[in-house]
Protein backbone atom coordinates (compact mmCIF):
# COMPACT_ATOMS: atom_id res chain seq x y z
CA UNK A 1 118.43 109.26 110.27
CA UNK A 2 115.30 107.15 110.57
CA UNK A 3 113.81 105.13 107.71
CA UNK A 4 110.05 104.56 107.53
CA UNK A 5 107.82 103.20 104.79
CA UNK A 6 105.09 105.04 102.91
CA UNK A 7 102.25 103.91 100.66
CA UNK A 8 101.92 105.74 97.33
CA UNK A 9 98.37 107.09 97.10
CA UNK A 10 98.92 108.80 93.73
CA UNK A 11 101.95 110.32 91.94
CA UNK A 12 102.06 113.29 94.33
CA UNK A 13 100.78 111.89 97.66
CA UNK A 14 102.17 109.41 100.18
CA UNK A 15 100.64 107.83 103.28
CA UNK A 16 103.34 107.43 105.93
CA UNK A 17 103.43 104.29 108.07
CA UNK A 18 104.00 106.46 111.15
CA UNK A 19 104.01 110.17 112.00
CA UNK A 20 107.14 112.21 111.39
CA UNK A 21 108.35 115.15 113.49
CA UNK A 22 107.65 117.80 110.84
CA UNK A 23 105.44 120.84 110.72
CA UNK A 24 103.10 121.75 107.87
CA UNK A 25 105.19 123.45 105.20
CA UNK A 26 108.48 121.82 106.24
CA UNK A 27 110.51 120.31 103.43
CA UNK A 28 111.73 116.74 103.73
CA UNK A 29 113.81 114.58 101.42
CA UNK A 30 112.79 111.14 100.22
CA UNK A 31 114.71 108.54 98.28
CA UNK A 32 113.07 106.48 95.52
CA UNK A 33 114.92 103.31 94.45
CA UNK A 34 115.13 102.69 90.72
CA UNK A 35 114.32 99.12 89.72
CA UNK A 36 115.86 98.96 86.28
CA UNK A 37 117.23 95.75 84.75
CA UNK A 38 120.84 96.61 85.69
CA UNK A 39 119.80 97.24 89.29
CA UNK A 40 117.92 93.94 89.47
CA UNK A 41 120.89 91.98 88.10
CA UNK A 42 123.23 93.71 90.54
CA UNK A 43 120.99 92.80 93.50
CA UNK A 44 120.77 89.15 92.45
CA UNK A 45 124.54 88.88 91.98
CA UNK A 46 125.27 90.67 95.26
CA UNK A 47 122.95 88.31 97.17
CA UNK A 48 124.62 85.25 95.63
CA UNK A 49 128.13 86.50 96.42
CA UNK A 50 127.11 87.52 99.95
CA UNK A 51 125.72 84.10 100.73
CA UNK A 52 128.73 82.31 99.24
CA UNK A 53 130.89 83.90 101.94
CA UNK A 54 129.16 81.86 104.65
CA UNK A 55 129.44 78.18 105.46
CA UNK A 56 126.39 76.03 104.79
CA UNK A 57 126.26 75.32 108.54
CA UNK A 58 125.41 79.00 109.17
CA UNK A 59 121.65 78.40 109.03
CA UNK A 60 120.88 81.92 110.26
CA UNK A 61 121.41 83.09 106.66
CA UNK A 62 119.18 80.50 104.96
CA UNK A 63 116.21 82.82 104.42
CA UNK A 64 118.00 85.81 102.89
């Protein structure tokens, strides 16, 4: 599977960041993340717990 980004032009049209190997009329599946309050809290908590697993000397993770 390959993940690419797309710009929403309107509620029914997307502009892909790169071409996809599909023919006119082919069906594809897309995934739309839901950004509800519970999801936001989960992401914040997960990031905090993830970073707590690393030593402060591991500077590679400073910008996450």
